[in-house]
Protein backbone atom coordinates (compact mmCIF):
# COMPACT_ATOMS: atom_id res chain seq x y z
CA MET A 1 51.55 42.75 86.87
CA ASN A 2 48.57 40.51 86.94
CA VAL A 3 47.27 38.44 84.56
CA ILE A 4 44.54 40.78 82.97
CA GLN A 5 47.44 43.89 83.01
CA ARG A 6 49.70 41.41 81.03
CA THR A 7 47.23 40.43 78.48
CA LEU A 8 46.24 44.45 78.07
CA SER A 9 49.64 44.86 77.62
CA ALA A 10 50.08 42.02 75.04
CA VAL A 11 47.04 43.35 73.40
CA MET A 12 47.84 47.01 72.92
CA ARG A 13 51.40 46.65 72.12
CA PRO A 14 52.77 49.03 69.59
CA LEU A 15 51.79 48.41 65.83
CA PRO A 16 54.68 47.99 63.09
CA MET A 17 54.90 51.27 60.60
CA LEU A 18 53.20 49.96 57.51
CA SER A 19 54.08 51.35 54.16
CA ALA A 20 51.65 53.53 52.25
CA THR A 21 51.33 50.57 49.67
CA ALA A 22 50.26 48.53 52.42
CA MET A 23 48.07 50.51 53.60
CA LEU A 24 46.44 51.09 50.53
CA GLY A 25 46.24 47.48 49.62
CA SER A 26 44.44 46.94 53.06
CA CYS A 27 42.00 49.23 52.25
CA SER A 28 41.05 47.71 48.83
CA HIS A 29 37.48 47.16 48.56
CA VAL A 30 36.76 43.28 47.40
CA PRO A 31 32.88 43.49 45.99
CA ASP A 32 31.19 40.96 47.80
CA GLU A 33 29.56 38.03 46.24
CA ALA A 34 26.16 38.97 44.71
CA ALA A 35 23.09 38.19 47.32
CA VAL A 36 20.42 35.69 46.42
CA PRO A 37 17.32 37.72 45.93
CA ALA A 38 14.75 36.58 47.94
CA LEU A 39 11.91 33.86 47.49
CA PRO A 40 8.63 35.16 46.56
CA VAL A 41 5.93 34.82 49.15
CA ARG A 42 3.04 33.04 47.70
CA THR A 43 -0.63 32.49 49.54
CA VAL A 44 -1.63 28.82 48.38
CA GLN A 45 -4.53 26.32 48.65
CA LEU A 46 -2.53 23.35 50.69
CA SER A 47 -3.08 19.88 50.66
CA MET A 48 -2.39 16.67 51.53
CA ALA A 49 -2.34 12.94 49.78
CA MET A 50 -1.32 9.93 50.36
CA ASP A 51 1.24 8.10 48.32
CA LEU A 52 1.39 4.09 48.87
CA ARG A 53 4.55 2.92 48.64
CA TYR A 54 6.18 -0.79 48.65
CA GLY A 55 10.45 0.09 48.76
CA GLY A 56 10.72 2.29 46.00
CA HIS A 57 7.99 0.55 43.85
CA VAL A 58 4.23 1.96 43.81
CA TYR A 59 2.06 -0.38 46.53
CA ASP A 60 -1.05 -1.60 44.13
CA MET A 61 -3.78 -2.45 46.86
CA ASN A 62 -5.56 -4.61 44.26
CA SER A 63 -2.30 -7.23 44.33
CA VAL A 64 -1.17 -9.89 46.40
CA TYR A 65 2.07 -9.82 48.20
CA GLU A 66 4.05 -11.81 51.12
CA ASP A 67 4.38 -10.80 54.57
CA ASP A 68 7.46 -11.46 56.26
CA TYR A 69 7.13 -15.20 57.22
CA GLY A 70 6.36 -16.43 53.48
CA HIS A 71 2.11 -15.90 53.53
CA ALA A 72 0.63 -14.04 50.71
CA PHE A 73 -2.17 -11.64 51.49
CA LEU A 74 -4.55 -9.29 50.13
CA LEU A 75 -5.39 -6.11 51.75
CA ASP A 76 -8.63 -4.51 51.44
CA THR A 77 -8.99 -1.93 53.73
CA LEU A 78 -5.99 0.28 54.44
CA ARG A 79 -7.56 3.73 56.60
CA PHE A 80 -5.83 6.19 59.36
CA LEU A 81 -6.86 9.02 61.00
CA ALA A 82 -4.88 12.26 60.90
CA SER A 83 -5.05 15.54 62.00
CA GLY A 84 -3.49 18.58 63.65
CA ALA A 85 -1.17 19.60 60.82
CA GLN A 86 1.06 22.24 61.44
CA ALA A 87 3.10 24.08 57.86
CA MET A 88 6.59 24.24 59.28
CA ALA A 89 9.62 26.32 57.58
CA ASP A 90 13.12 25.97 58.29
CA ASP A 91 14.37 26.05 61.76
CA ASP A 92 10.87 24.79 63.23
CA VAL A 93 9.44 28.05 62.33
CA LEU A 94 5.38 27.87 62.10
CA LEU A 95 4.30 28.50 58.80
CA ALA A 96 0.22 27.83 59.53
CA ASP A 97 -1.73 25.54 61.91
CA TYR A 98 -4.82 23.72 60.81
CA SER A 99 -5.90 22.19 65.04
CA THR A 100 -9.35 22.15 63.39
CA VAL A 101 -9.32 19.89 59.88
CA SER A 102 -8.82 15.86 60.82
CA MET A 103 -8.27 13.34 58.04
CA ILE A 104 -8.52 9.49 56.82
CA MET A 105 -6.51 8.65 54.28
CA ASP A 106 -7.74 5.66 52.88
CA GLY A 107 -5.32 3.65 50.43
CA GLY A 108 -9.04 2.71 48.88
CA GLU A 109 -9.16 6.47 47.63
CA GLY A 110 -5.37 6.57 45.97
CA ASN A 111 -4.34 9.69 45.95
CA ARG A 112 -7.33 11.54 47.13
CA GLU A 113 -6.85 15.00 48.34
CA HIS A 114 -7.31 16.65 51.66
CA LEU A 115 -7.65 20.13 52.06
CA LEU A 116 -5.97 21.49 54.82
CA GLY A 117 -6.54 25.57 53.79
CA GLU A 118 -4.42 28.61 53.01
CA LEU A 119 -0.17 28.79 53.55
CA THR A 120 0.84 32.17 52.63
CA ALA A 121 4.64 31.78 52.50
CA ALA A 122 7.79 31.18 50.27
CA SER A 123 8.77 28.23 50.71
CA LEU A 124 7.70 24.61 53.20
CA HIS A 125 9.53 22.68 54.47
CA GLU A 126 7.53 19.77 56.19
CA ILE A 127 4.31 19.38 57.61
CA ALA A 128 3.69 18.07 61.49
CA PHE A 129 0.57 15.91 62.30
CA ILE A 130 -0.40 13.47 64.53
CA LEU A 131 -1.98 9.79 63.90
CA GLY A 132 -5.15 9.76 65.34
CA VAL A 133 -6.87 12.22 66.92
CA ALA A 134 -6.63 14.23 70.01
CA PRO A 135 -8.63 13.37 73.02
CA ASP A 136 -11.37 15.50 73.40
CA ALA A 137 -12.49 14.80 69.81
CA ASN A 138 -12.22 11.20 70.72
CA HIS A 139 -14.29 10.90 72.77
CA ALA A 140 -17.11 13.27 72.05
CA ASP A 141 -20.20 12.10 70.19
CA PRO A 142 -19.86 11.49 66.37
CA ALA A 143 -23.09 12.20 65.71
CA LEU A 144 -22.10 15.63 66.52
CA ALA A 145 -18.99 15.51 64.52
CA GLN A 146 -17.87 17.53 61.41
CA PRO A 147 -16.96 15.42 58.17
CA PRO A 148 -14.72 13.16 58.32
CA LEU A 149 -15.51 12.42 62.04
CA ASN A 150 -18.99 12.18 61.55
CA ASP A 151 -17.38 8.21 60.04
CA MET A 152 -18.86 4.97 61.58
CA SER A 153 -16.67 3.29 60.31
CA MET A 154 -13.64 4.85 62.05
CA HIS A 155 -15.56 4.43 65.19
CA SER A 156 -15.76 1.90 67.94
CA GLY A 157 -19.01 2.41 69.15
CA SER A 158 -18.23 3.96 72.06
CA MET A 159 -17.51 7.40 73.12
CA ASP A 160 -14.68 5.69 76.19
CA GLU A 161 -12.69 3.97 73.54
CA GLY A 162 -13.45 7.07 70.85
CA TYR A 163 -12.11 5.88 66.71
CA SER A 164 -10.03 3.78 64.83
CA PHE A 165 -6.63 5.28 64.64
CA LEU A 166 -5.23 2.62 62.60
CA HIS A 167 -7.36 0.48 60.38
CA VAL A 168 -5.82 -2.98 58.70
CA ALA A 169 -7.49 -5.64 57.31
CA GLY A 170 -7.62 -8.36 53.86
CA ARG A 171 -7.02 -12.10 54.04
CA VAL A 172 -4.01 -14.05 54.17
CA ASP A 173 -3.20 -17.10 52.21
CA SER A 174 -4.63 -19.44 54.70
CA ASN A 175 -4.89 -22.70 52.81
CA SER A 176 -1.74 -22.10 50.43
CA ASP A 177 -3.29 -22.83 47.62
CA GLY A 178 -1.83 -19.50 46.24
CA ILE A 179 -4.73 -18.14 45.37
CA ILE A 180 -6.77 -15.19 47.67
CA ASP A 181 -10.68 -16.04 47.78
CA GLY A 182 -13.49 -16.25 50.45
CA SER A 183 -11.88 -19.57 52.02
CA ASP A 184 -9.05 -17.59 53.04
CA GLN A 185 -9.20 -16.64 56.66
CA ARG A 186 -9.33 -12.94 57.35
CA PHE A 187 -7.08 -10.82 59.23
CA SER A 188 -8.57 -7.03 60.86
CA HIS A 189 -6.74 -5.07 63.18
CA ARG A 190 -8.09 -1.47 65.06
CA CYS A 191 -5.54 0.43 66.97
CA ILE A 192 -7.67 2.48 69.14
CA GLY A 193 -6.92 4.71 72.07
CA ASP A 194 -5.76 7.60 73.08
CA LEU A 195 -2.21 6.16 74.45
CA LEU A 196 -2.01 5.40 70.30
CA LEU A 197 -1.54 8.82 69.46
CA CYS A 198 1.75 9.27 67.45
CA PRO A 199 3.46 12.08 66.07
CA ALA A 200 4.52 11.95 62.43
CA MET A 201 5.72 14.40 59.76
CA THR A 202 6.31 14.47 56.63
CA ALA A 203 9.65 16.18 54.44
CA VAL A 204 8.46 18.54 51.31
CA HIS A 205 11.41 21.37 51.48
CA THR A 206 9.55 22.90 48.59
CA ASP A 207 9.76 27.10 46.86
CA LEU A 208 5.53 27.39 47.33
CA PRO A 209 4.58 27.42 43.08
CA GLU A 210 2.56 30.02 41.18
CA GLY A 211 -1.15 28.97 40.21
CA GLY A 212 -2.49 28.82 44.05
CA VAL A 213 -2.45 24.95 45.05
CA LEU A 214 0.32 22.87 46.32
CA THR A 215 -0.53 19.19 47.18
CA VAL A 216 1.83 17.49 49.28
CA GLN A 217 2.73 13.78 49.42
CA VAL A 218 2.31 12.14 52.14
CA PRO A 219 4.71 8.80 51.77
CA VAL A 220 3.07 5.44 53.46
CA ASP A 221 5.80 2.61 52.70
CA MET A 222 3.89 -0.64 53.27
CA GLU A 223 7.06 -2.46 53.30
CA VAL A 224 7.78 -0.35 56.79
CA LEU A 225 4.24 -0.74 58.20
CA LEU A 226 3.74 -4.72 57.24
CA ALA A 227 7.38 -5.76 58.14
CA ASP A 228 7.21 -8.68 60.69
CA ILE A 229 3.71 -8.86 60.97
CA ASP A 230 2.78 -13.39 61.05
CA LEU A 231 -1.07 -12.47 59.12
CA LEU A 232 -1.29 -15.90 59.72
CA ASN A 233 -0.67 -16.61 62.76
CA THR A 234 -1.19 -12.87 64.60
CA PRO A 235 -4.94 -12.78 65.43
CA SER A 236 -7.24 -10.10 64.71
CA THR A 237 -7.08 -7.36 67.28
CA THR A 238 -9.09 -4.17 68.32
CA GLY A 239 -7.45 -1.72 71.32
CA SER A 240 -4.51 -0.19 72.38
CA GLY A 241 -2.76 -3.33 73.44
CA PRO A 242 0.87 -4.54 72.45
CA VAL A 243 0.02 -5.66 68.79
CA ASN A 244 -2.05 -2.65 68.37
CA TRP A 245 0.91 -0.23 69.88
CA ASP A 246 3.14 -2.09 67.40
CA TRP A 247 0.79 -1.44 64.11
CA MET A 248 1.37 2.34 65.43
CA GLN A 249 5.26 2.67 65.41
CA ARG A 250 5.11 1.60 62.40
CA LEU A 251 2.94 3.33 60.63
CA MET A 252 4.73 6.82 62.08
CA GLY A 253 8.08 4.64 61.02
CA ALA A 254 6.56 4.19 57.58
CA ILE A 255 5.67 7.67 56.48
CA GLU A 256 8.97 8.88 58.69
CA GLU A 257 11.32 6.61 56.42
CA GLU A 258 13.58 8.88 53.85
CA HIS A 259 12.02 8.42 49.95
């Protein structure tokens, strides 16, 4: 007898006789737990807004902070480009694509809402997007672009180079007098170049509300963004060099940090 025959023989051995009581017991019906009702499908106008944080606290653009090297600084500019947003359900199921929408997230504008468009679903798991803009938009003529890509303050001035994906600027207490004013050293970092495109994601985990409006807060942890950067002794940069690369990587981490 081969292995398959022995296996079949073991499986097909005669079953022992069951008493009528046992048979009746085995047929008793156990009611299923109450089924969870399906969530209602709703349609909302979906927007994104930036939520500036510093660790567990709100970040104030008008307040003085210290970098990791003990230098007091005051930011006056924090702006970055975001585009290509996608609304995702669980298991990476695409709910809606907003590939034509670009946004300039500006720390000076507080929680300004940026409209993505309509979303019809029961719940929203996350929003995935790009930090920067895709190459075709990055090298197009900004004079012909739709807002906000016609904002020349975020453009390098060269179609070959394209837009600043991130601009961080301010002053650092260079004379160590404890006061940030016009006499202090200015710093400015502009991250420019297709090589700096970064994916980003913000978790949402919410059911779509009644009322037709949902604004997703995109947390940006400034403690992460400003980590390990010596604002006094790091020269201002423009382009896609190592310092700019590090800025974009920190921005990606500042957004995806668990909050």
